[in-house]
Structure formats: C-alpha cells, structure tokens
C-alpha cells in the first residue's frame, strides 16, 4: 500500500521529493501516513476533499485481497 500511495502522491504534487509515506501495520489494520510539502496540501486533498477520497478509494480497492482495513491519513 505504501508504494501505491507514494506513486499517486508524487504524480499530484509540485515537490515530489518532499513526499514521505510511512506504513504501520497491526493485527487488523494498516495505517498509511502521507506527508507532503505545505504548498502541496491543496493538491493532495482537492476541492471538498475529492482527491483525498479518491486516493482512499483506490487504496481500499487494492487492499480488498487482504483481510485488513487500510486507513490513509494525510498529514502536514
């Protein structure tokens, strides 16, 4: 999941070198944290959160094979 979020985020932002994705896994869930440059936050979130929602939808579809819930958090 980490690689998927990283590829999507880097294609959206102006500063792809500042994209940092961390993945934490426990028994029932996977937490993916996405950090981008402050100037790129709007591009990753989108109007009314549409892009963020789309990223979460793609990750959810990709994780359907695993029996774990995937949570994507966008941090500054």
C-alpha atoms as a PDB file:
ATOM      1  CA  UNK A   1       0.000   0.000   0.000  1.00  0.00           C
ATOM      2  CA  UNK A   2       2.884   2.323   0.793  1.00  0.00           C
ATOM      3  CA  UNK A   3       4.198   2.230  -2.767  1.00  0.00           C
ATOM      4  CA  UNK A   4       0.753   2.836  -4.249  1.00  0.00           C
ATOM      5  CA  UNK A   5       0.104   5.931  -2.141  1.00  0.00           C
ATOM      6  CA  UNK A   6       3.616   7.205  -2.865  1.00  0.00           C
ATOM      7  CA  UNK A   7       3.208   6.895  -6.651  1.00  0.00           C
ATOM      8  CA  UNK A   8      -0.178   8.621  -6.605  1.00  0.00           C
ATOM      9  CA  UNK A   9       1.014  11.454  -4.355  1.00  0.00           C
ATOM     10  CA  UNK A  10       4.215  12.083  -6.306  1.00  0.00           C
ATOM     11  CA  UNK A  11       2.245  12.398  -9.538  1.00  0.00           C
ATOM     12  CA  UNK A  12      -0.004  15.070  -7.991  1.00  0.00           C
ATOM     13  CA  UNK A  13       2.445  17.406  -6.254  1.00  0.00           C
ATOM     14  CA  UNK A  14       4.976  20.001  -7.419  1.00  0.00           C
ATOM     15  CA  UNK A  15       7.631  18.836  -4.933  1.00  0.00           C
ATOM     16  CA  UNK A  16       7.725  15.023  -5.284  1.00  0.00           C
ATOM     17  CA  UNK A  17      10.992  14.835  -3.353  1.00  0.00           C
ATOM     18  CA  UNK A  18       9.170  16.015  -0.206  1.00  0.00           C
ATOM     19  CA  UNK A  19       6.576  13.222  -0.287  1.00  0.00           C
ATOM     20  CA  UNK A  20       7.009  10.865   2.682  1.00  0.00           C
ATOM     21  CA  UNK A  21       4.838   7.794   3.175  1.00  0.00           C
ATOM     22  CA  UNK A  22       5.009   5.624   6.284  1.00  0.00           C
ATOM     23  CA  UNK A  23       3.142   2.386   6.862  1.00  0.00           C
ATOM     24  CA  UNK A  24       2.283   0.926  10.263  1.00  0.00           C
ATOM     25  CA  UNK A  25       0.678  -2.482  10.479  1.00  0.00           C
ATOM     26  CA  UNK A  26      -1.067  -4.216  13.353  1.00  0.00           C
ATOM     27  CA  UNK A  27      -3.422  -7.199  13.715  1.00  0.00           C
ATOM     28  CA  UNK A  28      -6.493  -5.870  11.942  1.00  0.00           C
ATOM     29  CA  UNK A  29      -5.452  -2.699  10.152  1.00  0.00           C
ATOM     30  CA  UNK A  30      -2.764  -0.903   8.203  1.00  0.00           C
ATOM     31  CA  UNK A  31      -2.162   2.808   8.776  1.00  0.00           C
ATOM     32  CA  UNK A  32      -0.642   4.702   5.851  1.00  0.00           C
ATOM     33  CA  UNK A  33       0.511   8.240   6.662  1.00  0.00           C
ATOM     34  CA  UNK A  34       1.169  10.643   3.801  1.00  0.00           C
ATOM     35  CA  UNK A  35       3.212  13.797   4.351  1.00  0.00           C
ATOM     36  CA  UNK A  36       3.674  16.422   1.641  1.00  0.00           C
ATOM     37  CA  UNK A  37       5.065  19.950   1.451  1.00  0.00           C
ATOM     38  CA  UNK A  38       2.688  22.570   2.905  1.00  0.00           C
ATOM     39  CA  UNK A  39       2.318  24.178  -0.529  1.00  0.00           C
ATOM     40  CA  UNK A  40       1.143  20.834  -1.969  1.00  0.00           C
ATOM     41  CA  UNK A  41      -1.542  20.078   0.630  1.00  0.00           C
ATOM     42  CA  UNK A  42      -4.301  21.538  -1.530  1.00  0.00           C
ATOM     43  CA  UNK A  43      -3.317  19.389  -4.488  1.00  0.00           C
ATOM     44  CA  UNK A  44      -3.415  16.196  -2.446  1.00  0.00           C
ATOM     45  CA  UNK A  45      -6.679  16.998  -0.681  1.00  0.00           C
ATOM     46  CA  UNK A  46      -8.513  18.591  -3.616  1.00  0.00           C
ATOM     47  CA  UNK A  47     -11.694  20.623  -3.657  1.00  0.00           C
ATOM     48  CA  UNK A  48     -14.009  19.408  -0.900  1.00  0.00           C
ATOM     49  CA  UNK A  49     -11.594  16.516  -0.283  1.00  0.00           C
ATOM     50  CA  UNK A  50     -12.340  14.787  -3.573  1.00  0.00           C
ATOM     51  CA  UNK A  51      -8.764  13.793  -4.395  1.00  0.00           C
ATOM     52  CA  UNK A  52      -8.140  12.536  -0.850  1.00  0.00           C
ATOM     53  CA  UNK A  53     -11.333  10.491  -1.083  1.00  0.00           C
ATOM     54  CA  UNK A  54     -10.246   9.098  -4.451  1.00  0.00           C
ATOM     55  CA  UNK A  55      -6.843   8.089  -3.039  1.00  0.00           C
ATOM     56  CA  UNK A  56      -8.578   6.309  -0.169  1.00  0.00           C
ATOM     57  CA  UNK A  57     -10.935   4.540  -2.600  1.00  0.00           C
ATOM     58  CA  UNK A  58      -8.070   3.282  -4.762  1.00  0.00           C
ATOM     59  CA  UNK A  59      -6.170   2.033  -1.702  1.00  0.00           C
ATOM     60  CA  UNK A  60      -9.305   0.336  -0.367  1.00  0.00           C
ATOM     61  CA  UNK A  61      -9.832  -1.430  -3.698  1.00  0.00           C
ATOM     62  CA  UNK A  62      -6.189  -2.521  -3.821  1.00  0.00           C
ATOM     63  CA  UNK A  63      -6.359  -3.853  -0.253  1.00  0.00           C
ATOM     64  CA  UNK A  64      -9.514  -5.893  -0.791  1.00  0.00           C
ATOM     65  CA  UNK A  65      -7.390  -9.051  -1.175  1.00  0.00           C
ATOM     66  CA  UNK A  66      -6.097  -8.679   2.364  1.00  0.00           C
ATOM     67  CA  UNK A  67      -8.336  -9.079   5.385  1.00  0.00           C
ATOM     68  CA  UNK A  68      -7.137  -5.805   6.883  1.00  0.00           C
ATOM     69  CA  UNK A  69      -8.650  -2.357   6.991  1.00  0.00           C
ATOM     70  CA  UNK A  70      -6.415   0.288   5.421  1.00  0.00           C
ATOM     71  CA  UNK A  71      -6.546   3.844   6.795  1.00  0.00           C
ATOM     72  CA  UNK A  72      -4.906   6.658   4.813  1.00  0.00           C
ATOM     73  CA  UNK A  73      -4.084   9.803   6.780  1.00  0.00           C
ATOM     74  CA  UNK A  74      -2.816  12.968   5.129  1.00  0.00           C
ATOM     75  CA  UNK A  75      -0.534  14.890   7.486  1.00  0.00           C
ATOM     76  CA  UNK A  76       1.251  18.211   7.196  1.00  0.00           C
END
